[in-house]
PDB file of all heavy atoms in Angstrom:
ATOM      1  N   LEU A   1       0.835  -1.205   0.000  1.00  0.00           N
ATOM      2  CA  LEU A   1       0.000   0.000   0.000  1.00  0.00           C
ATOM      3  C   LEU A   1       0.870   1.255   0.000  1.00  0.00           C
ATOM      4  O   LEU A   1       0.672   2.165  -0.802  1.00  0.00           O
ATOM      5  CB  LEU A   1      -0.930  -0.011   1.216  1.00  0.00           C
ATOM      6  CG  LEU A   1      -1.711   1.263   1.511  1.00  0.00           C
ATOM      7  CD1 LEU A   1      -2.714   1.554   0.415  1.00  0.00           C
ATOM      8  CD2 LEU A   1      -2.412   1.151   2.860  1.00  0.00           C
ATOM      9  N   MET A   2       1.856   1.285   0.888  1.00  0.00           N
ATOM     10  CA  MET A   2       2.729   2.464   0.985  1.00  0.00           C
ATOM     11  C   MET A   2       3.569   2.642  -0.280  1.00  0.00           C
ATOM     12  O   MET A   2       3.814   3.769  -0.719  1.00  0.00           O
ATOM     13  CB  MET A   2       3.639   2.377   2.216  1.00  0.00           C
ATOM     14  CG  MET A   2       2.904   2.572   3.527  1.00  0.00           C
ATOM     15  SD  MET A   2       2.192   4.217   3.664  1.00  0.00           S
ATOM     16  CE  MET A   2       0.462   3.867   3.624  1.00  0.00           C
ATOM     17  N   ASN A   3       4.000   1.532  -0.875  1.00  0.00           N
ATOM     18  CA  ASN A   3       4.734   1.630  -2.149  1.00  0.00           C
ATOM     19  C   ASN A   3       3.855   2.235  -3.239  1.00  0.00           C
ATOM     20  O   ASN A   3       4.316   3.048  -4.040  1.00  0.00           O
ATOM     21  CB  ASN A   3       5.236   0.249  -2.592  1.00  0.00           C
ATOM     22  CG  ASN A   3       6.455  -0.184  -1.829  1.00  0.00           C
ATOM     23  OD1 ASN A   3       7.198   0.634  -1.291  1.00  0.00           O
ATOM     24  ND2 ASN A   3       6.676  -1.492  -1.754  1.00  0.00           N
ATOM     25  N   THR A   4       2.590   1.855  -3.259  1.00  0.00           N
ATOM     26  CA  THR A   4       1.667   2.395  -4.253  1.00  0.00           C
ATOM     27  C   THR A   4       1.405   3.879  -3.994  1.00  0.00           C
ATOM     28  O   THR A   4       1.377   4.678  -4.938  1.00  0.00           O
ATOM     29  CB  THR A   4       0.340   1.599  -4.258  1.00  0.00           C
ATOM     30  OG1 THR A   4       0.651   0.212  -4.443  1.00  0.00           O
ATOM     31  CG2 THR A   4      -0.577   2.060  -5.376  1.00  0.00           C
ATOM     32  N   VAL A   5       1.240   4.250  -2.732  1.00  0.00           N
ATOM     33  CA  VAL A   5       1.061   5.670  -2.384  1.00  0.00           C
ATOM     34  C   VAL A   5       2.294   6.461  -2.818  1.00  0.00           C
ATOM     35  O   VAL A   5       2.175   7.551  -3.391  1.00  0.00           O
ATOM     36  CB  VAL A   5       0.781   5.853  -0.876  1.00  0.00           C
ATOM     37  CG1 VAL A   5       0.858   7.323  -0.480  1.00  0.00           C
ATOM     38  CG2 VAL A   5      -0.577   5.269  -0.500  1.00  0.00           C
ATOM     39  N   CYS A   6       3.462   5.918  -2.577  1.00  0.00           N
ATOM     40  CA  CYS A   6       4.717   6.580  -2.980  1.00  0.00           C
ATOM     41  C   CYS A   6       4.781   6.739  -4.500  1.00  0.00           C
ATOM     42  O   CYS A   6       5.159   7.800  -5.005  1.00  0.00           O
ATOM     43  CB  CYS A   6       5.907   5.768  -2.479  1.00  0.00           C
ATOM     44  SG  CYS A   6       7.496   6.520  -2.851  1.00  0.00           S
ATOM     45  N   MET A   7       4.381   5.692  -5.224  1.00  0.00           N
ATOM     46  CA  MET A   7       4.369   5.751  -6.693  1.00  0.00           C
ATOM     47  C   MET A   7       3.422   6.860  -7.163  1.00  0.00           C
ATOM     48  O   MET A   7       3.764   7.631  -8.062  1.00  0.00           O
ATOM     49  CB  MET A   7       3.933   4.397  -7.253  1.00  0.00           C
ATOM     50  CG  MET A   7       3.867   4.300  -8.767  1.00  0.00           C
ATOM     51  SD  MET A   7       2.300   4.762  -9.564  1.00  0.00           S
ATOM     52  CE  MET A   7       1.106   3.715  -8.781  1.00  0.00           C
ATOM     53  N   ILE A   8       2.254   6.943  -6.539  1.00  0.00           N
ATOM     54  CA  ILE A   8       1.287   7.985  -6.902  1.00  0.00           C
ATOM     55  C   ILE A   8       1.894   9.361  -6.655  1.00  0.00           C
ATOM     56  O   ILE A   8       1.826  10.246  -7.503  1.00  0.00           O
ATOM     57  CB  ILE A   8      -0.031   7.806  -6.123  1.00  0.00           C
ATOM     58  CG1 ILE A   8      -0.762   6.562  -6.626  1.00  0.00           C
ATOM     59  CG2 ILE A   8      -0.915   9.050  -6.238  1.00  0.00           C
ATOM     60  CD1 ILE A   8      -1.950   6.153  -5.769  1.00  0.00           C
ATOM     61  N   TYR A   9       2.483   9.545  -5.498  1.00  0.00           N
ATOM     62  CA  TYR A   9       3.079  10.832  -5.143  1.00  0.00           C
ATOM     63  C   TYR A   9       4.195  11.217  -6.124  1.00  0.00           C
ATOM     64  O   TYR A   9       4.305  12.374  -6.522  1.00  0.00           O
ATOM     65  CB  TYR A   9       3.625  10.782  -3.711  1.00  0.00           C
ATOM     66  CG  TYR A   9       4.278  12.066  -3.271  1.00  0.00           C
ATOM     67  CD1 TYR A   9       3.512  13.183  -2.957  1.00  0.00           C
ATOM     68  CD2 TYR A   9       5.661  12.179  -3.187  1.00  0.00           C
ATOM     69  CE1 TYR A   9       4.097  14.370  -2.561  1.00  0.00           C
ATOM     70  CE2 TYR A   9       6.250  13.359  -2.789  1.00  0.00           C
ATOM     71  CZ  TYR A   9       5.470  14.456  -2.479  1.00  0.00           C
ATOM     72  OH  TYR A   9       6.059  15.628  -2.094  1.00  0.00           O
ATOM     73  N   CYS A  10       4.980  10.247  -6.521  1.00  0.00           N
ATOM     74  CA  CYS A  10       6.128  10.529  -7.403  1.00  0.00           C
ATOM     75  C   CYS A  10       5.750  10.715  -8.873  1.00  0.00           C
ATOM     76  O   CYS A  10       6.464  11.394  -9.600  1.00  0.00           O
ATOM     77  CB  CYS A  10       7.161   9.407  -7.297  1.00  0.00           C
ATOM     78  SG  CYS A  10       7.980   9.344  -5.691  1.00  0.00           S
ATOM     79  N   THR A  11       4.651  10.110  -9.303  1.00  0.00           N
ATOM     80  CA  THR A  11       4.341  10.148 -10.742  1.00  0.00           C
ATOM     81  C   THR A  11       3.115  10.969 -11.114  1.00  0.00           C
ATOM     82  O   THR A  11       2.996  11.380 -12.267  1.00  0.00           O
ATOM     83  CB  THR A  11       4.156   8.718 -11.301  1.00  0.00           C
ATOM     84  OG1 THR A  11       3.092   8.077 -10.598  1.00  0.00           O
ATOM     85  CG2 THR A  11       5.437   7.905 -11.176  1.00  0.00           C
ATOM     86  N   SER A  12       2.225  11.197 -10.179  1.00  0.00           N
ATOM     87  CA  SER A  12       1.005  11.936 -10.513  1.00  0.00           C
ATOM     88  C   SER A  12       1.286  13.429 -10.630  1.00  0.00           C
ATOM     89  O   SER A  12       1.878  14.019  -9.729  1.00  0.00           O
ATOM     90  CB  SER A  12      -0.059  11.721  -9.435  1.00  0.00           C
ATOM     91  OG  SER A  12      -1.148  12.594  -9.653  1.00  0.00           O
ATOM     92  N   PRO A  13       0.836  14.034 -11.729  1.00  0.00           N
ATOM     93  CA  PRO A  13       1.036  15.479 -11.854  1.00  0.00           C
ATOM     94  C   PRO A  13       0.125  16.295 -10.933  1.00  0.00           C
ATOM     95  O   PRO A  13       0.386  17.460 -10.690  1.00  0.00           O
ATOM     96  CB  PRO A  13       0.716  15.760 -13.317  1.00  0.00           C
ATOM     97  CG  PRO A  13      -0.085  14.611 -13.786  1.00  0.00           C
ATOM     98  CD  PRO A  13       0.251  13.442 -12.926  1.00  0.00           C
ATOM     99  N   TYR A  14      -0.915  15.660 -10.396  1.00  0.00           N
ATOM    100  CA  TYR A  14      -1.860  16.394  -9.552  1.00  0.00           C
ATOM    101  C   TYR A  14      -1.849  15.931  -8.097  1.00  0.00           C
ATOM    102  O   TYR A  14      -2.215  16.685  -7.207  1.00  0.00           O
ATOM    103  CB  TYR A  14      -3.291  16.240 -10.096  1.00  0.00           C
ATOM    104  CG  TYR A  14      -3.435  16.729 -11.511  1.00  0.00           C
ATOM    105  CD1 TYR A  14      -3.502  15.841 -12.575  1.00  0.00           C
ATOM    106  CD2 TYR A  14      -3.498  18.089 -11.794  1.00  0.00           C
ATOM    107  CE1 TYR A  14      -3.644  16.288 -13.874  1.00  0.00           C
ATOM    108  CE2 TYR A  14      -3.631  18.550 -13.089  1.00  0.00           C
ATOM    109  CZ  TYR A  14      -3.709  17.639 -14.124  1.00  0.00           C
ATOM    110  OH  TYR A  14      -3.839  18.107 -15.404  1.00  0.00           O
ATOM    111  N   TYR A  15      -1.466  14.696  -7.852  1.00  0.00           N
ATOM    112  CA  TYR A  15      -1.521  14.141  -6.499  1.00  0.00           C
ATOM    113  C   TYR A  15      -0.175  14.244  -5.793  1.00  0.00           C
ATOM    114  O   TYR A  15       0.102  13.493  -4.875  1.00  0.00           O
ATOM    115  CB  TYR A  15      -1.960  12.666  -6.536  1.00  0.00           C
ATOM    116  CG  TYR A  15      -3.171  12.425  -5.686  1.00  0.00           C
ATOM    117  CD1 TYR A  15      -4.421  12.324  -6.246  1.00  0.00           C
ATOM    118  CD2 TYR A  15      -3.071  12.342  -4.308  1.00  0.00           C
ATOM    119  CE1 TYR A  15      -5.543  12.132  -5.485  1.00  0.00           C
ATOM    120  CE2 TYR A  15      -4.184  12.154  -3.530  1.00  0.00           C
ATOM    121  CZ  TYR A  15      -5.414  12.052  -4.124  1.00  0.00           C
ATOM    122  OH  TYR A  15      -6.511  11.874  -3.346  1.00  0.00           O
ATOM    123  N   ASN A  16       0.643  15.170  -6.207  1.00  0.00           N
ATOM    124  CA  ASN A  16       1.991  15.252  -5.649  1.00  0.00           C
ATOM    125  C   ASN A  16       2.177  16.442  -4.703  1.00  0.00           C
ATOM    126  O   ASN A  16       3.271  16.942  -4.541  1.00  0.00           O
ATOM    127  CB  ASN A  16       3.023  15.306  -6.778  1.00  0.00           C
ATOM    128  CG  ASN A  16       2.824  16.514  -7.663  1.00  0.00           C
ATOM    129  OD1 ASN A  16       1.916  17.306  -7.459  1.00  0.00           O
ATOM    130  ND2 ASN A  16       3.683  16.658  -8.655  1.00  0.00           N
ATOM    131  N   THR A  17       1.092  16.874  -4.070  1.00  0.00           N
ATOM    132  CA  THR A  17       1.207  17.960  -3.095  1.00  0.00           C
ATOM    133  C   THR A  17       1.027  17.380  -1.699  1.00  0.00           C
ATOM    134  O   THR A  17       0.377  16.339  -1.525  1.00  0.00           O
ATOM    135  CB  THR A  17       0.130  19.041  -3.320  1.00  0.00           C
ATOM    136  OG1 THR A  17      -1.160  18.472  -3.080  1.00  0.00           O
ATOM    137  CG2 THR A  17       0.191  19.609  -4.734  1.00  0.00           C
ATOM    138  N   SER A  18       1.587  18.055  -0.713  1.00  0.00           N
ATOM    139  CA  SER A  18       1.455  17.555   0.655  1.00  0.00           C
ATOM    140  C   SER A  18      -0.010  17.578   1.099  1.00  0.00           C
ATOM    141  O   SER A  18      -0.461  16.698   1.836  1.00  0.00           O
ATOM    142  CB  SER A  18       2.330  18.363   1.617  1.00  0.00           C
ATOM    143  OG  SER A  18       1.943  19.707   1.618  1.00  0.00           O
ATOM    144  N   GLU A  19      -0.773  18.554   0.606  1.00  0.00           N
ATOM    145  CA  GLU A  19      -2.191  18.646   0.961  1.00  0.00           C
ATOM    146  C   GLU A  19      -2.963  17.416   0.479  1.00  0.00           C
ATOM    147  O   GLU A  19      -3.709  16.797   1.244  1.00  0.00           O
ATOM    148  CB  GLU A  19      -2.789  19.909   0.345  1.00  0.00           C
ATOM    149  CG  GLU A  19      -4.254  20.107   0.647  1.00  0.00           C
ATOM    150  CD  GLU A  19      -4.856  21.289  -0.112  1.00  0.00           C
ATOM    151  OE1 GLU A  19      -4.100  22.151  -0.605  1.00  0.00           O
ATOM    152  OE2 GLU A  19      -6.086  21.332  -0.212  1.00  0.00           O
ATOM    153  N   ARG A  20      -2.771  17.049  -0.780  1.00  0.00           N
ATOM    154  CA  ARG A  20      -3.480  15.892  -1.342  1.00  0.00           C
ATOM    155  C   ARG A  20      -3.025  14.587  -0.677  1.00  0.00           C
ATOM    156  O   ARG A  20      -3.823  13.722  -0.355  1.00  0.00           O
ATOM    157  CB  ARG A  20      -3.230  15.787  -2.849  1.00  0.00           C
ATOM    158  CG  ARG A  20      -3.868  16.882  -3.657  1.00  0.00           C
ATOM    159  CD  ARG A  20      -5.128  16.388  -4.338  1.00  0.00           C
ATOM    160  NE  ARG A  20      -5.533  17.254  -5.409  1.00  0.00           N
ATOM    161  CZ  ARG A  20      -6.380  18.263  -5.266  1.00  0.00           C
ATOM    162  NH1 ARG A  20      -6.875  18.536  -4.099  1.00  0.00           N
ATOM    163  NH2 ARG A  20      -6.701  18.996  -6.296  1.00  0.00           N
ATOM    164  N   LEU A  21      -1.711  14.457  -0.486  1.00  0.00           N
ATOM    165  CA  LEU A  21      -1.175  13.234   0.103  1.00  0.00           C
ATOM    166  C   LEU A  21      -1.589  13.104   1.566  1.00  0.00           C
ATOM    167  O   LEU A  21      -1.940  12.012   2.016  1.00  0.00           O
ATOM    168  CB  LEU A  21       0.348  13.204  -0.036  1.00  0.00           C
ATOM    169  CG  LEU A  21       0.957  11.824   0.129  1.00  0.00           C
ATOM    170  CD1 LEU A  21       0.476  10.899  -0.980  1.00  0.00           C
ATOM    171  CD2 LEU A  21       2.463  11.905   0.119  1.00  0.00           C
ATOM    172  N   THR A  22      -1.580  14.209   2.293  1.00  0.00           N
ATOM    173  CA  THR A  22      -1.997  14.182   3.694  1.00  0.00           C
ATOM    174  C   THR A  22      -3.446  13.734   3.798  1.00  0.00           C
ATOM    175  O   THR A  22      -3.795  12.902   4.642  1.00  0.00           O
ATOM    176  CB  THR A  22      -1.819  15.575   4.344  1.00  0.00           C
ATOM    177  OG1 THR A  22      -0.433  15.921   4.286  1.00  0.00           O
ATOM    178  CG2 THR A  22      -2.284  15.580   5.781  1.00  0.00           C
ATOM    179  N   SER A  23      -4.297  14.268   2.936  1.00  0.00           N
ATOM    180  CA  SER A  23      -5.704  13.890   2.932  1.00  0.00           C
ATOM    181  C   SER A  23      -5.865  12.390   2.678  1.00  0.00           C
ATOM    182  O   SER A  23      -6.643  11.711   3.365  1.00  0.00           O
ATOM    183  CB  SER A  23      -6.447  14.697   1.859  1.00  0.00           C
ATOM    184  OG  SER A  23      -7.769  14.263   1.746  1.00  0.00           O
ATOM    185  N   LEU A  24      -5.131  11.868   1.727  1.00  0.00           N
ATOM    186  CA  LEU A  24      -5.206  10.447   1.400  1.00  0.00           C
ATOM    187  C   LEU A  24      -4.687   9.595   2.565  1.00  0.00           C
ATOM    188  O   LEU A  24      -5.338   8.620   2.971  1.00  0.00           O
ATOM    189  CB  LEU A  24      -4.406  10.151   0.131  1.00  0.00           C
ATOM    190  CG  LEU A  24      -4.347   8.699  -0.303  1.00  0.00           C
ATOM    191  CD1 LEU A  24      -5.752   8.154  -0.579  1.00  0.00           C
ATOM    192  CD2 LEU A  24      -3.460   8.549  -1.528  1.00  0.00           C
ATOM    193  N   LEU A  25      -3.535   9.946   3.100  1.00  0.00           N
ATOM    194  CA  LEU A  25      -2.959   9.159   4.199  1.00  0.00           C
ATOM    195  C   LEU A  25      -3.835   9.208   5.446  1.00  0.00           C
ATOM    196  O   LEU A  25      -3.942   8.214   6.179  1.00  0.00           O
ATOM    197  CB  LEU A  25      -1.535   9.637   4.510  1.00  0.00           C
ATOM    198  CG  LEU A  25      -0.495   9.296   3.439  1.00  0.00           C
ATOM    199  CD1 LEU A  25       0.833   9.970   3.751  1.00  0.00           C
ATOM    200  CD2 LEU A  25      -0.313   7.785   3.308  1.00  0.00           C
ATOM    201  N   LEU A  26      -4.468  10.343   5.676  1.00  0.00           N
ATOM    202  CA  LEU A  26      -5.391  10.462   6.808  1.00  0.00           C
ATOM    203  C   LEU A  26      -6.556   9.484   6.637  1.00  0.00           C
ATOM    204  O   LEU A  26      -6.947   8.793   7.584  1.00  0.00           O
ATOM    205  CB  LEU A  26      -5.909  11.898   6.906  1.00  0.00           C
ATOM    206  CG  LEU A  26      -6.882  12.191   8.032  1.00  0.00           C
ATOM    207  CD1 LEU A  26      -6.194  12.037   9.383  1.00  0.00           C
ATOM    208  CD2 LEU A  26      -7.436  13.590   7.894  1.00  0.00           C
ATOM    209  N   LYS A  27      -7.083   9.383   5.443  1.00  0.00           N
ATOM    210  CA  LYS A  27      -8.206   8.476   5.179  1.00  0.00           C
ATOM    211  C   LYS A  27      -7.771   7.012   5.313  1.00  0.00           C
ATOM    212  O   LYS A  27      -8.522   6.171   5.816  1.00  0.00           O
ATOM    213  CB  LYS A  27      -8.800   8.759   3.805  1.00  0.00           C
ATOM    214  CG  LYS A  27      -9.570  10.068   3.758  1.00  0.00           C
ATOM    215  CD  LYS A  27     -10.067  10.369   2.369  1.00  0.00           C
ATOM    216  CE  LYS A  27     -10.851  11.653   2.328  1.00  0.00           C
ATOM    217  NZ  LYS A  27     -10.026  12.830   2.231  1.00  0.00           N
ATOM    218  N   ILE A  28      -6.570   6.712   4.860  1.00  0.00           N
ATOM    219  CA  ILE A  28      -6.048   5.345   5.004  1.00  0.00           C
ATOM    220  C   ILE A  28      -5.893   5.014   6.487  1.00  0.00           C
ATOM    221  O   ILE A  28      -6.294   3.938   6.946  1.00  0.00           O
ATOM    222  CB  ILE A  28      -4.706   5.199   4.248  1.00  0.00           C
ATOM    223  CG1 ILE A  28      -4.958   5.233   2.730  1.00  0.00           C
ATOM    224  CG2 ILE A  28      -3.994   3.910   4.651  1.00  0.00           C
ATOM    225  CD1 ILE A  28      -3.701   5.350   1.883  1.00  0.00           C
TER     226      ILE A  28
END
């Protein structure tokens, strides 16, 4: 799961902000 989240953060042009990632990790 964390590897996939990392891949998203590193490759997504829109999901690579701390705000978006924090929101996702909070939900997880």
